[in-house]
């Protein structure tokens, strides 16, 4: 029943799309075809009995085109205002669902109160956006709480928890940046190491008046490279709709370097911020080459094993696959033609893994967040501190370091280091206040969680 209720929006969306298509056909269908087909003329109530009726026929055609154009505009407006998020649990369903909750409070006597407060706080923020399933972790000076709401899979009654795996999308870029910092500490590379010196066989790479792209440029999205390569979508993706289902699967390293060989920078590297999945993917690739191992092994050895993060990986074990949440296509993301339907996971070769291919759990990301907040003693402390340093201003109250974005909100004290992520069926957010002692991580199997997490920060951090 829950699955049916959550897919009512899918039917509405498809009905609107069908109306849109037929209205569009009514506008652009060739007039000659209408005139030469008695069946179509009869269905459209058009008549040509003799030459003298041709003027009347033109009026009928004009009327039909204008009426279909009006229908087209109507369906477009309807599509815009409905903005259906199909895989959404309504507030009523969410209220009736039993959440998972686990707390670790500094004061045992306060644990029950702390748990109730955290559940109420997260539930009120979720209800504003809706979701199929979401796992949330919160760190405060009073303790830590992990909660799960909704369903791990709409076909099951199991609620997600702290060990449920999700695709974390672009939060992967932070792990790529920490791997860069680790290799810098080891003396393998430096921030100003030109990228082309690490992969000499791929020459030439883009440069600007002898200013070459460095590892720091790639990590801060100031390389001058575009968000995606122009050859990212090929004929196979279009024919098999892989651009919607699994867009990175067929893009190879050869494709990436073919694009880079022919690309011309339009500005000097290091000059301006432009978010680039291409740049982050290239960074992960060259770091793995410098370390002489795969990207996944690099992240595991330099970051995951020291922090005992055993449920963060690209390639999952059988047990991890069983704990993986089912993702559902979101309206505003790729795959919108299948909005509300279950989606398969995203996959990529070495050239794009560093941009967004890790899977993880809230419990694992809580360990990562606690290490960044210096709440746990770890040998990675100097490495993590290197990534926190803000090196480039993006706009007012927003800057970037190695991987981490830094926001200064007008209504709350202190800065917040954060990164979010999105794949075809998953959304994620990870952020913390270094001075306020507050950290929030949220992993969702459908809707965006950014607004929810920022509202949590506003409620938990001191006001200015």
Protein backbone atom coordinates (compact mmCIF):
# COMPACT_ATOMS: atom_id res chain seq x y z
CA UNK A 1 0.00 0.00 0.00
CA UNK A 2 2.84 2.37 0.87
CA UNK A 3 4.48 1.76 -2.50
CA UNK A 4 1.20 2.53 -4.31
CA UNK A 5 0.63 5.74 -2.33
CA UNK A 6 4.14 6.90 -3.02
CA UNK A 7 3.74 6.36 -6.76
CA UNK A 8 0.45 8.23 -7.26
CA UNK A 9 2.63 11.16 -8.22
CA UNK A 10 4.31 9.01 -10.89
CA UNK A 11 0.93 8.46 -12.60
CA UNK A 12 0.16 12.18 -12.43
CA UNK A 13 3.57 13.03 -13.82
CA UNK A 14 3.29 10.54 -16.69
CA UNK A 15 -0.23 11.81 -17.53
CA UNK A 16 1.07 15.37 -17.70
CA UNK A 17 3.99 14.25 -19.88
CA UNK A 18 1.64 12.40 -22.27
CA UNK A 19 -0.58 15.47 -22.53
CA UNK A 20 2.51 17.55 -23.17
CA UNK A 21 3.66 15.30 -26.00
CA UNK A 22 0.28 15.20 -27.72
CA UNK A 23 -0.10 18.96 -27.40
CA UNK A 24 3.34 19.44 -28.90
CA UNK A 25 2.48 17.12 -31.79
CA UNK A 26 -0.69 19.12 -32.36
CA UNK A 27 1.40 22.26 -32.72
CA UNK A 28 4.24 21.01 -34.91
CA UNK A 29 2.55 18.24 -36.95
CA UNK A 30 2.97 19.19 -40.63
CA UNK A 31 -0.09 20.83 -42.15
CA UNK A 32 0.42 18.90 -45.36
CA UNK A 33 0.10 15.60 -43.49
CA UNK A 34 -3.13 16.83 -41.93
CA UNK A 35 -4.54 17.79 -45.31
CA UNK A 36 -3.63 14.55 -47.06
CA UNK A 37 -5.05 12.25 -44.39
CA UNK A 38 -8.83 11.91 -44.33
CA UNK A 39 -8.67 10.02 -41.03
CA UNK A 40 -6.73 12.78 -39.28
CA UNK A 41 -8.91 15.45 -40.83
CA UNK A 42 -12.00 13.63 -39.65
CA UNK A 43 -10.64 13.28 -36.11
CA UNK A 44 -9.69 16.94 -36.02
CA UNK A 45 -13.06 17.93 -37.53
CA UNK A 46 -11.36 19.47 -40.56
CA UNK A 47 -12.98 19.35 -43.99
CA UNK A 48 -11.77 20.08 -47.51
CA UNK A 49 -14.59 19.42 -49.95
CA UNK A 50 -13.32 21.60 -52.75
CA UNK A 51 -10.78 24.27 -53.50
CA UNK A 52 -13.07 27.02 -52.28
CA UNK A 53 -13.06 25.46 -48.81
CA UNK A 54 -9.29 25.80 -48.52
CA UNK A 55 -9.52 29.15 -46.70
CA UNK A 56 -11.94 27.64 -44.19
CA UNK A 57 -9.55 24.70 -43.80
CA UNK A 58 -6.68 27.05 -43.01
CA UNK A 59 -8.80 28.67 -40.30
CA UNK A 60 -9.50 25.24 -38.81
CA UNK A 61 -5.79 24.38 -38.87
CA UNK A 62 -4.83 27.68 -37.28
CA UNK A 63 -7.48 27.17 -34.61
CA UNK A 64 -6.26 23.62 -33.91
CA UNK A 65 -2.62 24.72 -33.67
CA UNK A 66 -3.48 27.58 -31.32
CA UNK A 67 -5.64 25.35 -29.11
CA UNK A 68 -2.86 22.75 -28.88
CA UNK A 69 -0.37 25.50 -28.13
CA UNK A 70 -2.62 26.63 -25.28
CA UNK A 71 -2.77 23.03 -24.01
CA UNK A 72 1.00 22.81 -24.24
CA UNK A 73 1.45 25.95 -22.13
CA UNK A 74 -1.10 24.63 -19.64
CA UNK A 75 0.73 21.34 -19.18
CA UNK A 76 4.07 23.12 -18.84
CA UNK A 77 2.66 25.33 -16.10
CA UNK A 78 1.06 22.31 -14.43
CA UNK A 79 4.38 20.46 -14.57
CA UNK A 80 6.15 23.43 -13.01
CA UNK A 81 3.70 23.98 -10.17
CA UNK A 82 3.21 20.32 -9.30
CA UNK A 83 6.95 19.61 -9.12
CA UNK A 84 6.12 16.05 -8.09
CA UNK A 85 8.64 14.26 -5.93
CA UNK A 86 7.33 10.78 -6.44
CA UNK A 87 9.22 8.73 -3.91
CA UNK A 88 7.99 10.85 -1.01
CA UNK A 89 6.52 9.78 2.30
CA UNK A 90 3.78 12.17 3.31
CA UNK A 91 3.71 13.70 6.77
CA UNK A 92 0.87 11.38 7.80
CA UNK A 93 2.77 8.27 6.73
CA UNK A 94 5.91 9.59 8.33
CA UNK A 95 4.08 10.18 11.61
CA UNK A 96 2.79 6.64 11.60
CA UNK A 97 6.20 5.12 10.88
CA UNK A 98 8.38 4.02 13.77
CA UNK A 99 11.81 5.65 13.54
CA UNK A 100 15.07 3.96 14.42
CA UNK A 101 17.01 5.85 17.08
CA UNK A 102 20.25 5.29 18.95
CA UNK A 103 21.86 7.82 21.28
CA UNK A 104 25.08 8.04 23.21
CA UNK A 105 24.65 10.79 25.79
CA UNK A 106 27.37 12.28 27.99
CA UNK A 107 24.88 12.20 30.89
CA UNK A 108 23.09 8.85 31.20
CA UNK A 109 20.24 10.46 33.12
CA UNK A 110 19.65 12.81 30.20
CA UNK A 111 19.74 10.08 27.50
CA UNK A 112 15.96 9.55 27.21
CA UNK A 113 15.25 13.29 27.07
CA UNK A 114 18.05 13.81 24.54
CA UNK A 115 16.65 11.03 22.34
CA UNK A 116 13.13 12.48 22.37
CA UNK A 117 14.44 15.94 21.56
CA UNK A 118 16.55 14.71 18.65
CA UNK A 119 13.73 12.61 17.15
CA UNK A 120 11.30 15.53 17.41
CA UNK A 121 13.84 17.94 15.92
CA UNK A 122 14.69 15.73 12.94
CA UNK A 123 11.09 14.65 12.32
CA UNK A 124 9.91 18.27 12.13
CA UNK A 125 12.58 19.08 9.55
CA UNK A 126 11.92 15.95 7.48
CA UNK A 127 8.21 16.68 7.28
CA UNK A 128 8.97 19.95 5.52
CA UNK A 129 10.62 18.11 2.60
CA UNK A 130 9.55 14.47 2.68
CA UNK A 131 11.62 11.43 1.77
CA UNK A 132 11.32 7.72 1.23
CA UNK A 133 14.01 6.92 3.73
CA UNK A 134 16.68 8.91 5.54
CA UNK A 135 19.38 8.22 8.10
CA UNK A 136 20.56 11.16 10.17
CA UNK A 137 23.45 11.55 12.58
CA UNK A 138 23.88 14.50 14.93
CA UNK A 139 26.82 15.37 17.19
CA UNK A 140 26.29 17.90 19.99
CA UNK A 141 28.17 18.69 23.21
CA UNK A 142 25.43 16.67 24.98
CA UNK A 143 26.13 13.52 22.96
CA UNK A 144 25.56 11.88 19.62
CA UNK A 145 22.35 10.57 18.07
CA UNK A 146 21.72 8.36 15.03
CA UNK A 147 18.18 8.12 13.62
CA UNK A 148 16.42 6.49 10.70
CA UNK A 149 13.03 7.49 9.28
CA UNK A 150 10.79 6.05 6.57
CA UNK A 151 11.69 2.86 4.73
CA UNK A 152 14.96 1.42 3.50
CA UNK A 153 12.93 0.05 0.60
CA UNK A 154 9.28 0.89 -0.09
CA UNK A 155 8.58 -2.78 -0.70
CA UNK A 156 9.71 -3.62 2.84
CA UNK A 157 8.72 -2.39 6.27
CA UNK A 158 12.28 -2.12 7.52
CA UNK A 159 13.36 1.34 8.68
CA UNK A 160 16.86 2.53 7.74
CA UNK A 161 19.41 2.81 10.53
CA UNK A 162 22.98 3.91 11.11
CA UNK A 163 24.36 0.89 9.26
CA UNK A 164 22.23 1.32 6.13
CA UNK A 165 24.41 2.08 3.12
CA UNK A 166 23.74 4.91 0.67
CA UNK A 167 25.56 6.41 -2.27
CA UNK A 168 27.17 9.58 -0.88
CA UNK A 169 27.87 11.22 -4.25
CA UNK A 170 30.14 14.26 -4.15
CA UNK A 171 31.01 13.87 -0.47
CA UNK A 172 33.54 11.49 -2.06
CA UNK A 173 35.47 14.61 -3.10
CA UNK A 174 36.30 15.30 0.56
CA UNK A 175 37.86 11.84 0.86
CA UNK A 176 39.81 12.54 -2.32
CA UNK A 177 41.07 15.77 -0.75
CA UNK A 178 42.09 13.99 2.47
CA UNK A 179 43.97 11.42 0.36
CA UNK A 180 45.76 14.33 -1.33
CA UNK A 181 46.70 15.78 2.08
CA UNK A 182 47.98 12.36 3.20
CA UNK A 183 50.23 12.04 0.15
CA UNK A 184 51.49 15.59 0.75
CA UNK A 185 52.43 14.67 4.33
CA UNK A 186 54.26 11.61 3.02
CA UNK A 187 56.20 13.77 0.56
CA UNK A 188 54.84 11.95 -2.49
CA UNK A 189 53.27 15.09 -3.99
CA UNK A 190 52.84 18.79 -3.15
CA UNK A 191 49.95 21.20 -3.56
CA UNK A 192 51.72 22.94 -6.44
CA UNK A 193 52.64 19.71 -8.23
CA UNK A 194 51.56 20.08 -11.88
CA UNK A 195 49.10 17.39 -12.87
CA UNK A 196 50.87 16.54 -16.10
CA UNK A 197 54.07 15.52 -14.27
CA UNK A 198 52.19 12.64 -12.63
CA UNK A 199 50.77 11.28 -15.90
CA UNK A 200 53.40 12.12 -18.55
CA UNK A 201 52.02 9.55 -20.99
CA UNK A 202 48.81 11.57 -21.38
CA UNK A 203 50.45 14.73 -22.75
CA UNK A 204 49.46 17.34 -23.59
CA UNK A 205 47.10 18.67 -20.90
CA UNK A 206 45.48 22.11 -20.97
CA UNK A 207 47.49 25.06 -19.67
CA UNK A 208 47.22 28.85 -19.69
CA UNK A 209 50.27 30.75 -20.95
CA UNK A 210 52.63 28.19 -19.40
CA UNK A 211 50.62 28.16 -16.13
CA UNK A 212 49.87 24.48 -15.64
CA UNK A 213 47.01 22.96 -13.63
CA UNK A 214 48.12 21.84 -10.17
CA UNK A 215 46.71 19.38 -7.65
CA UNK A 216 45.54 22.30 -5.50
CA UNK A 217 43.61 23.72 -8.47
CA UNK A 218 41.77 20.44 -8.97
CA UNK A 219 40.88 20.05 -5.29
CA UNK A 220 39.52 23.63 -5.04
CA UNK A 221 37.65 23.61 -8.38
CA UNK A 222 39.81 26.44 -9.70
CA UNK A 223 41.49 24.51 -12.51
CA UNK A 224 39.51 26.20 -15.30
CA UNK A 225 38.13 22.83 -16.40
CA UNK A 226 34.36 22.60 -17.04
CA UNK A 227 31.91 20.71 -14.87
CA UNK A 228 31.76 17.80 -17.33
CA UNK A 229 33.66 16.94 -20.55
CA UNK A 230 31.81 17.71 -23.77
CA UNK A 231 32.17 14.09 -24.94
CA UNK A 232 30.54 12.72 -21.77
CA UNK A 233 27.27 11.80 -23.49
CA UNK A 234 27.81 9.49 -26.45
CA UNK A 235 25.48 7.73 -28.85
CA UNK A 236 25.36 4.57 -26.72
CA UNK A 237 24.19 6.47 -23.68
CA UNK A 238 21.45 8.13 -25.67
CA UNK A 239 20.31 4.90 -27.34
CA UNK A 240 20.21 2.86 -24.13
CA UNK A 241 19.18 5.75 -21.85
CA UNK A 242 22.33 5.24 -19.77
CA UNK A 243 22.56 9.00 -19.51
CA UNK A 244 19.56 8.65 -17.17
CA UNK A 245 20.25 5.33 -15.46
CA UNK A 246 24.04 5.11 -15.04
CA UNK A 247 25.65 8.10 -16.79
CA UNK A 248 29.29 7.51 -15.79
CA UNK A 249 29.46 3.81 -16.63
CA UNK A 250 30.67 4.06 -20.23
CA UNK A 251 32.98 7.08 -19.89
CA UNK A 252 36.54 5.76 -19.97
CA UNK A 253 39.89 7.31 -19.13
CA UNK A 254 40.62 7.40 -22.87
CA UNK A 255 37.47 9.50 -23.33
CA UNK A 256 38.58 11.87 -20.58
CA UNK A 257 42.06 12.42 -21.97
CA UNK A 258 40.76 12.75 -25.51
CA UNK A 259 38.70 15.68 -24.26
CA UNK A 260 41.60 17.16 -22.25
CA UNK A 261 43.95 17.01 -25.25
CA UNK A 262 41.59 19.15 -27.29
CA UNK A 263 40.33 21.49 -24.57
CA UNK A 264 41.53 25.09 -24.33
CA UNK A 265 41.39 26.88 -21.01
CA UNK A 266 39.49 30.17 -21.05
CA UNK A 267 41.16 31.57 -17.93
CA UNK A 268 44.22 31.13 -15.75
CA UNK A 269 44.11 28.17 -13.32
CA UNK A 270 43.66 29.26 -9.71
CA UNK A 271 41.80 32.41 -10.73
CA UNK A 272 38.09 31.53 -10.42
CA UNK A 273 35.94 28.83 -8.83
CA UNK A 274 33.94 26.56 -11.14
CA UNK A 275 32.62 23.32 -9.68
CA UNK A 276 34.06 20.48 -11.76
CA UNK A 277 33.32 16.77 -11.53
CA UNK A 278 35.85 16.37 -14.30
CA UNK A 279 38.56 18.02 -12.21
CA UNK A 280 37.75 15.97 -9.09
CA UNK A 281 37.74 12.76 -11.11
CA UNK A 282 41.08 13.68 -12.66
CA UNK A 283 42.49 14.40 -9.19
CA UNK A 284 41.46 10.98 -7.89
CA UNK A 285 43.02 9.34 -10.95
CA UNK A 286 46.39 11.11 -10.73
CA UNK A 287 46.64 10.51 -6.98
CA UNK A 288 46.08 6.80 -7.49
CA UNK A 289 48.81 6.83 -10.13
CA UNK A 290 51.18 8.66 -7.77
CA UNK A 291 50.45 6.14 -4.99
CA UNK A 292 50.70 3.19 -7.42
CA UNK A 293 47.37 1.67 -6.40
CA UNK A 294 43.69 1.93 -7.24
CA UNK A 295 41.70 4.92 -6.05
CA UNK A 296 39.63 2.75 -3.71
CA UNK A 297 42.77 1.20 -2.15
CA UNK A 298 44.28 4.68 -1.76
CA UNK A 299 41.28 6.00 0.18
CA UNK A 300 41.00 2.82 2.23
CA UNK A 301 44.67 2.83 3.31
CA UNK A 302 45.06 6.59 3.89
CA UNK A 303 41.65 7.45 5.38
CA UNK A 304 39.23 4.61 6.05
CA UNK A 305 41.43 2.08 7.88
CA UNK A 306 42.99 4.65 10.28
CA UNK A 307 39.46 5.78 11.24
CA UNK A 308 38.06 2.21 11.32
CA UNK A 309 35.48 3.05 8.68
CA UNK A 310 34.71 -0.47 7.48
CA UNK A 311 31.44 0.30 5.66
CA UNK A 312 32.74 2.92 3.22
CA UNK A 313 33.70 1.58 -0.19
CA UNK A 314 33.05 1.64 -3.93
CA UNK A 315 32.80 -2.11 -4.42
CA UNK A 316 30.54 -3.60 -1.75
CA UNK A 317 30.67 -7.02 -0.12
CA UNK A 318 27.62 -9.30 -0.07
CA UNK A 319 26.68 -8.21 3.45
CA UNK A 320 26.99 -4.53 2.52
CA UNK A 321 24.81 -5.02 -0.55
CA UNK A 322 22.09 -6.48 1.67
CA UNK A 323 22.22 -3.34 3.82
CA UNK A 324 22.09 -0.96 0.85
CA UNK A 325 19.06 1.35 0.69
CA UNK A 326 16.98 1.40 -2.48
CA UNK A 327 17.31 4.72 -4.27
CA UNK A 328 14.39 6.48 -5.97
CA UNK A 329 14.68 8.92 -8.87
CA UNK A 330 14.13 12.54 -7.93
CA UNK A 331 12.18 15.01 -10.06
CA UNK A 332 14.92 17.61 -10.45
CA UNK A 333 17.80 15.21 -11.11
CA UNK A 334 18.86 13.00 -13.97
CA UNK A 335 16.41 10.19 -14.44
CA UNK A 336 13.40 12.51 -14.09
CA UNK A 337 11.56 10.55 -16.81
CA UNK A 338 11.53 7.67 -14.34
CA UNK A 339 10.78 9.86 -11.35
CA UNK A 340 9.65 7.94 -8.28
CA UNK A 341 10.85 4.60 -9.62
CA UNK A 342 13.67 2.55 -8.08
CA UNK A 343 17.03 3.22 -9.70
CA UNK A 344 20.19 1.20 -10.00
CA UNK A 345 23.40 2.48 -8.48
CA UNK A 346 25.95 4.57 -10.31
CA UNK A 347 29.27 3.13 -11.42
CA UNK A 348 32.39 4.65 -12.94
CA UNK A 349 35.88 3.75 -14.05
CA UNK A 350 39.05 5.09 -12.41
CA UNK A 351 38.72 8.44 -14.17
CA UNK A 352 35.60 9.51 -12.24
CA UNK A 353 35.66 7.50 -9.01
CA UNK A 354 37.26 10.36 -7.06
CA UNK A 355 34.34 12.63 -7.96
CA UNK A 356 31.48 10.71 -6.38
CA UNK A 357 31.43 6.91 -6.30
CA UNK A 358 31.80 6.03 -2.61
CA UNK A 359 29.03 4.34 -0.62
CA UNK A 360 28.86 4.77 3.14
CA UNK A 361 26.73 4.74 6.29
CA UNK A 362 25.84 7.37 8.85
CA UNK A 363 27.82 5.48 11.51
CA UNK A 364 30.95 5.53 9.34
CA UNK A 365 30.55 9.19 8.42
CA UNK A 366 30.04 10.02 12.11
CA UNK A 367 33.52 8.60 12.75
CA UNK A 368 34.90 10.76 9.95
CA UNK A 369 33.09 13.82 11.29
CA UNK A 370 34.28 13.23 14.86
CA UNK A 371 37.87 13.00 13.63
CA UNK A 372 37.47 16.29 11.74
CA UNK A 373 35.96 17.90 14.85
CA UNK A 374 38.91 16.60 16.91
CA UNK A 375 36.58 14.65 19.19
CA UNK A 376 38.66 11.51 18.70
CA UNK A 377 42.41 11.07 18.88
CA UNK A 378 43.72 10.10 15.47
CA UNK A 379 47.01 10.19 13.60
CA UNK A 380 45.15 11.90 10.76
CA UNK A 381 44.76 15.13 12.74
CA UNK A 382 47.43 17.17 10.85
CA UNK A 383 46.16 15.78 7.54
CA UNK A 384 42.57 16.76 8.28
CA UNK A 385 43.64 20.22 9.48
CA UNK A 386 45.36 20.78 6.13
CA UNK A 387 42.08 20.21 4.32
CA UNK A 388 40.23 22.66 6.60
CA UNK A 389 42.35 25.68 5.67
CA UNK A 390 40.31 27.97 3.41
CA UNK A 391 42.32 28.97 0.36
CA UNK A 392 39.94 30.61 -2.11
CA UNK A 393 36.96 32.94 -1.73
CA UNK A 394 33.99 31.96 -3.88
CA UNK A 395 31.57 34.70 -2.89
CA UNK A 396 30.49 36.57 0.23
CA UNK A 397 30.51 34.23 3.23
CA UNK A 398 31.52 31.22 1.10
CA UNK A 399 35.02 29.89 0.53
CA UNK A 400 36.72 26.59 -0.21
CA UNK A 401 39.70 24.66 1.07
CA UNK A 402 40.82 21.20 -0.01
CA UNK A 403 37.48 19.57 -0.69
CA UNK A 404 35.55 21.36 2.07
CA UNK A 405 33.31 24.34 1.45
CA UNK A 406 33.08 26.88 4.28
CA UNK A 407 29.92 28.93 4.90
CA UNK A 408 29.40 31.84 7.27
CA UNK A 409 25.67 32.12 7.92
CA UNK A 410 24.20 35.48 8.87
CA UNK A 411 22.05 34.18 11.72
CA UNK A 412 24.39 31.69 13.44
CA UNK A 413 27.79 32.00 15.04
CA UNK A 414 30.91 30.50 13.56
CA UNK A 415 31.73 28.87 10.25
CA UNK A 416 30.46 25.53 8.96
CA UNK A 417 32.58 23.20 6.87
CA UNK A 418 30.41 21.09 4.60
CA UNK A 419 29.91 19.14 1.41
CA UNK A 420 26.82 17.62 -0.15
CA UNK A 421 26.23 14.97 -2.77
CA UNK A 422 23.66 13.66 -5.26
CA UNK A 423 23.45 10.64 -7.55
CA UNK A 424 20.53 9.26 -9.55
CA UNK A 425 18.62 8.03 -6.50
CA UNK A 426 20.45 9.34 -3.42
CA UNK A 427 21.15 12.65 -1.67
CA UNK A 428 23.66 13.37 1.09
CA UNK A 429 25.03 16.13 3.31
CA UNK A 430 27.93 16.25 5.76
CA UNK A 431 28.84 19.34 7.77
CA UNK A 432 30.18 20.50 11.10
CA UNK A 433 30.97 23.62 13.08
CA UNK A 434 34.60 23.51 14.30
CA UNK A 435 33.89 26.04 17.07
CA UNK A 436 30.29 25.17 17.97
CA UNK A 437 30.76 21.45 18.51
CA UNK A 438 27.82 20.58 16.24
CA UNK A 439 27.98 18.10 13.38
CA UNK A 440 25.22 16.84 11.08
CA UNK A 441 25.20 14.07 8.49
CA UNK A 442 22.12 13.02 6.52
CA UNK A 443 21.80 10.32 3.85
CA UNK A 444 18.58 10.03 1.85
CA UNK A 445 17.28 7.61 -0.76
CA UNK A 446 15.28 10.23 -2.66
CA UNK A 447 14.94 13.90 -1.77
CA UNK A 448 17.57 16.54 -1.12
CA UNK A 449 18.54 16.92 2.54
CA UNK A 450 20.54 20.16 2.39
CA UNK A 451 17.73 22.44 3.58
CA UNK A 452 16.91 20.05 6.42
CA UNK A 453 20.53 20.01 7.62
CA UNK A 454 20.86 23.79 7.50
CA UNK A 455 17.69 24.09 9.57
CA UNK A 456 19.21 21.69 12.11
CA UNK A 457 22.31 23.87 12.32
CA UNK A 458 20.15 26.94 12.85
CA UNK A 459 18.32 25.25 15.73
CA UNK A 460 21.39 23.73 17.37
CA UNK A 461 24.02 26.48 17.02
CA UNK A 462 24.02 29.73 18.99
CA UNK A 463 22.46 32.73 17.25
CA UNK A 464 24.45 35.85 16.50
